[in-house]
Amino acid sequence: MKIIWANSAINDLKEIKAYISKDSEYYAFQVVEKIISAVETLNTFPEIGKKVTEANQQNIREIIYTPYRIIYQFEPGYLKIVTIVHSGRDLSNPKLQKWEVE
């Protein structure tokens, strides 16, 4: 399974790292590595994620690395990581629905 990272997801990862680095560069590195590791499990188990209820689309799924939601688009032959958001964030607002990525 090919995994593609959308620019928005790469930026999310950078922002998460920068935010956590304010307190601990070591912990920031650990969190980013664990998020990437969680994504790599999708290579073997691409359908492991649950459907994102706010998206209401069969192919928009998420896995959780607490406290983050890793949202991806699942297609035959590949999946695209579209965003990584804090689980406390309300994504019911259409302006915040970052999975609408090309």
C-alpha atoms as a PDB file:
ATOM      1  CA  MET A   1       0.000   0.000   0.000  1.00  0.00           C
ATOM      2  CA  LYS A   2       1.435   3.344  -1.006  1.00  0.00           C
ATOM      3  CA  ILE A   3       1.152   6.092   1.613  1.00  0.00           C
ATOM      4  CA  ILE A   4       1.091   9.695   0.440  1.00  0.00           C
ATOM      5  CA  TRP A   5       1.381  12.657   2.803  1.00  0.00           C
ATOM      6  CA  ALA A   6      -0.603  15.740   1.751  1.00  0.00           C
ATOM      7  CA  ASN A   7       1.209  19.028   2.310  1.00  0.00           C
ATOM      8  CA  SER A   8      -1.440  19.918   4.886  1.00  0.00           C
ATOM      9  CA  ALA A   9      -0.574  16.823   6.955  1.00  0.00           C
ATOM     10  CA  ILE A  10       3.154  17.548   6.732  1.00  0.00           C
ATOM     11  CA  ASN A  11       2.469  21.083   7.953  1.00  0.00           C
ATOM     12  CA  ASP A  12       0.314  19.731  10.785  1.00  0.00           C
ATOM     13  CA  LEU A  13       3.171  17.467  11.872  1.00  0.00           C
ATOM     14  CA  LYS A  14       5.624  20.382  11.805  1.00  0.00           C
ATOM     15  CA  GLU A  15       3.253  22.526  13.867  1.00  0.00           C
ATOM     16  CA  ILE A  16       2.764  19.754  16.425  1.00  0.00           C
ATOM     17  CA  LYS A  17       6.520  19.358  16.741  1.00  0.00           C
ATOM     18  CA  ALA A  18       7.086  23.107  17.073  1.00  0.00           C
ATOM     19  CA  TYR A  19       4.396  23.432  19.731  1.00  0.00           C
ATOM     20  CA  ILE A  20       5.667  20.549  21.851  1.00  0.00           C
ATOM     21  CA  SER A  21       9.289  21.686  21.375  1.00  0.00           C
ATOM     22  CA  LYS A  22       8.511  24.797  23.402  1.00  0.00           C
ATOM     23  CA  ASP A  23       8.508  22.530  26.453  1.00  0.00           C
ATOM     24  CA  SER A  24      10.630  19.586  25.338  1.00  0.00           C
ATOM     25  CA  GLU A  25      12.465  18.935  22.097  1.00  0.00           C
ATOM     26  CA  TYR A  26      12.969  15.330  23.138  1.00  0.00           C
ATOM     27  CA  TYR A  27       9.255  14.745  23.703  1.00  0.00           C
ATOM     28  CA  ALA A  28       8.389  16.593  20.467  1.00  0.00           C
ATOM     29  CA  PHE A  29      10.641  14.227  18.535  1.00  0.00           C
ATOM     30  CA  GLN A  30       9.084  11.213  20.290  1.00  0.00           C
ATOM     31  CA  VAL A  31       5.526  12.312  19.490  1.00  0.00           C
ATOM     32  CA  VAL A  32       6.321  12.907  15.814  1.00  0.00           C
ATOM     33  CA  GLU A  33       8.072   9.539  15.550  1.00  0.00           C
ATOM     34  CA  LYS A  34       5.104   7.772  17.133  1.00  0.00           C
ATOM     35  CA  ILE A  35       2.639   9.497  14.801  1.00  0.00           C
ATOM     36  CA  ILE A  36       4.742   8.408  11.817  1.00  0.00           C
ATOM     37  CA  SER A  37       4.919   4.886  13.228  1.00  0.00           C
ATOM     38  CA  ALA A  38       1.122   4.826  13.622  1.00  0.00           C
ATOM     39  CA  VAL A  39       0.784   5.889   9.980  1.00  0.00           C
ATOM     40  CA  GLU A  40       3.171   3.138   8.884  1.00  0.00           C
ATOM     41  CA  THR A  41       0.844   0.518  10.384  1.00  0.00           C
ATOM     42  CA  LEU A  42      -1.642   1.562   7.719  1.00  0.00           C
ATOM     43  CA  ASN A  43       0.735   0.099   5.146  1.00  0.00           C
ATOM     44  CA  THR A  44      -0.217  -3.361   6.390  1.00  0.00           C
ATOM     45  CA  PHE A  45      -3.717  -2.621   7.698  1.00  0.00           C
ATOM     46  CA  PRO A  46      -5.129   0.261   5.598  1.00  0.00           C
ATOM     47  CA  GLU A  47      -8.733  -0.321   6.630  1.00  0.00           C
ATOM     48  CA  ILE A  48      -7.983  -0.382  10.367  1.00  0.00           C
ATOM     49  CA  GLY A  49      -9.184   3.179  10.828  1.00  0.00           C
ATOM     50  CA  LYS A  50     -12.753   4.063  11.601  1.00  0.00           C
ATOM     51  CA  LYS A  51     -14.851   6.312   9.404  1.00  0.00           C
ATOM     52  CA  VAL A  52     -14.671  10.005  10.278  1.00  0.00           C
ATOM     53  CA  THR A  53     -18.229  10.818  11.287  1.00  0.00           C
ATOM     54  CA  GLU A  54     -17.885  14.514  10.415  1.00  0.00           C
ATOM     55  CA  ALA A  55     -16.835  13.631   6.861  1.00  0.00           C
ATOM     56  CA  ASN A  56     -19.739  11.266   6.184  1.00  0.00           C
ATOM     57  CA  GLN A  57     -17.682   9.574   3.452  1.00  0.00           C
ATOM     58  CA  GLN A  58     -16.798   5.893   3.313  1.00  0.00           C
ATOM     59  CA  ASN A  59     -13.196   6.516   2.261  1.00  0.00           C
ATOM     60  CA  ILE A  60     -12.296   9.154   4.885  1.00  0.00           C
ATOM     61  CA  ARG A  61     -10.938   7.320   7.918  1.00  0.00           C
ATOM     62  CA  GLU A  62      -8.912   8.002  11.015  1.00  0.00           C
ATOM     63  CA  ILE A  63      -6.589   6.365  13.444  1.00  0.00           C
ATOM     64  CA  ILE A  64      -5.882   7.799  16.857  1.00  0.00           C
ATOM     65  CA  TYR A  65      -2.550   8.515  18.431  1.00  0.00           C
ATOM     66  CA  THR A  66      -3.758  10.222  21.588  1.00  0.00           C
ATOM     67  CA  PRO A  67      -4.469  13.104  21.615  1.00  0.00           C
ATOM     68  CA  TYR A  68      -4.301  13.325  17.815  1.00  0.00           C
ATOM     69  CA  ARG A  69      -6.627  12.193  15.073  1.00  0.00           C
ATOM     70  CA  ILE A  70      -4.712  11.107  11.972  1.00  0.00           C
ATOM     71  CA  ILE A  71      -7.208  11.483   9.147  1.00  0.00           C
ATOM     72  CA  TYR A  72      -6.613   9.791   5.818  1.00  0.00           C
ATOM     73  CA  GLN A  73      -8.303   9.159   2.507  1.00  0.00           C
ATOM     74  CA  PHE A  74      -8.387   5.471   1.597  1.00  0.00           C
ATOM     75  CA  GLU A  75      -8.400   4.553  -2.088  1.00  0.00           C
ATOM     76  CA  PRO A  76      -7.611   1.279  -3.879  1.00  0.00           C
ATOM     77  CA  GLY A  77      -3.829   0.982  -4.068  1.00  0.00           C
ATOM     78  CA  TYR A  78      -2.957   3.993  -1.921  1.00  0.00           C
ATOM     79  CA  LEU A  79      -3.949   6.145   0.974  1.00  0.00           C
ATOM     80  CA  LYS A  80      -3.331   9.811   1.616  1.00  0.00           C
ATOM     81  CA  ILE A  81      -2.698  11.278   5.044  1.00  0.00           C
ATOM     82  CA  VAL A  82      -4.678  14.517   4.801  1.00  0.00           C
ATOM     83  CA  THR A  83      -4.524  16.038   8.276  1.00  0.00           C
ATOM     84  CA  ILE A  84      -3.495  15.502  11.875  1.00  0.00           C
ATOM     85  CA  VAL A  85      -5.642  17.342  14.391  1.00  0.00           C
ATOM     86  CA  HIS A  86      -5.993  17.447  18.150  1.00  0.00           C
ATOM     87  CA  SER A  87      -8.875  15.221  19.213  1.00  0.00           C
ATOM     88  CA  GLY A  88     -10.399  18.042  21.227  1.00  0.00           C
ATOM     89  CA  ARG A  89     -10.993  20.061  18.107  1.00  0.00           C
ATOM     90  CA  ASP A  90     -14.564  20.248  16.819  1.00  0.00           C
ATOM     91  CA  LEU A  91     -14.536  19.308  13.136  1.00  0.00           C
ATOM     92  CA  SER A  92     -18.270  19.639  12.597  1.00  0.00           C
ATOM     93  CA  ASN A  93     -17.734  23.169  11.248  1.00  0.00           C
ATOM     94  CA  PRO A  94     -17.351  22.876   7.443  1.00  0.00           C
ATOM     95  CA  LYS A  95     -14.547  25.475   7.489  1.00  0.00           C
ATOM     96  CA  LEU A  96     -12.435  23.119   9.613  1.00  0.00           C
ATOM     97  CA  GLN A  97     -12.944  20.021   7.489  1.00  0.00           C
ATOM     98  CA  LYS A  98      -9.378  19.702   6.341  1.00  0.00           C
ATOM     99  CA  TRP A  99      -9.857  16.368   4.560  1.00  0.00           C
ATOM    100  CA  GLU A 100     -11.129  18.274   1.539  1.00  0.00           C
ATOM    101  CA  VAL A 101      -7.577  18.263   0.150  1.00  0.00           C
ATOM    102  CA  GLU A 102      -6.584  17.737  -3.459  1.00  0.00           C
END
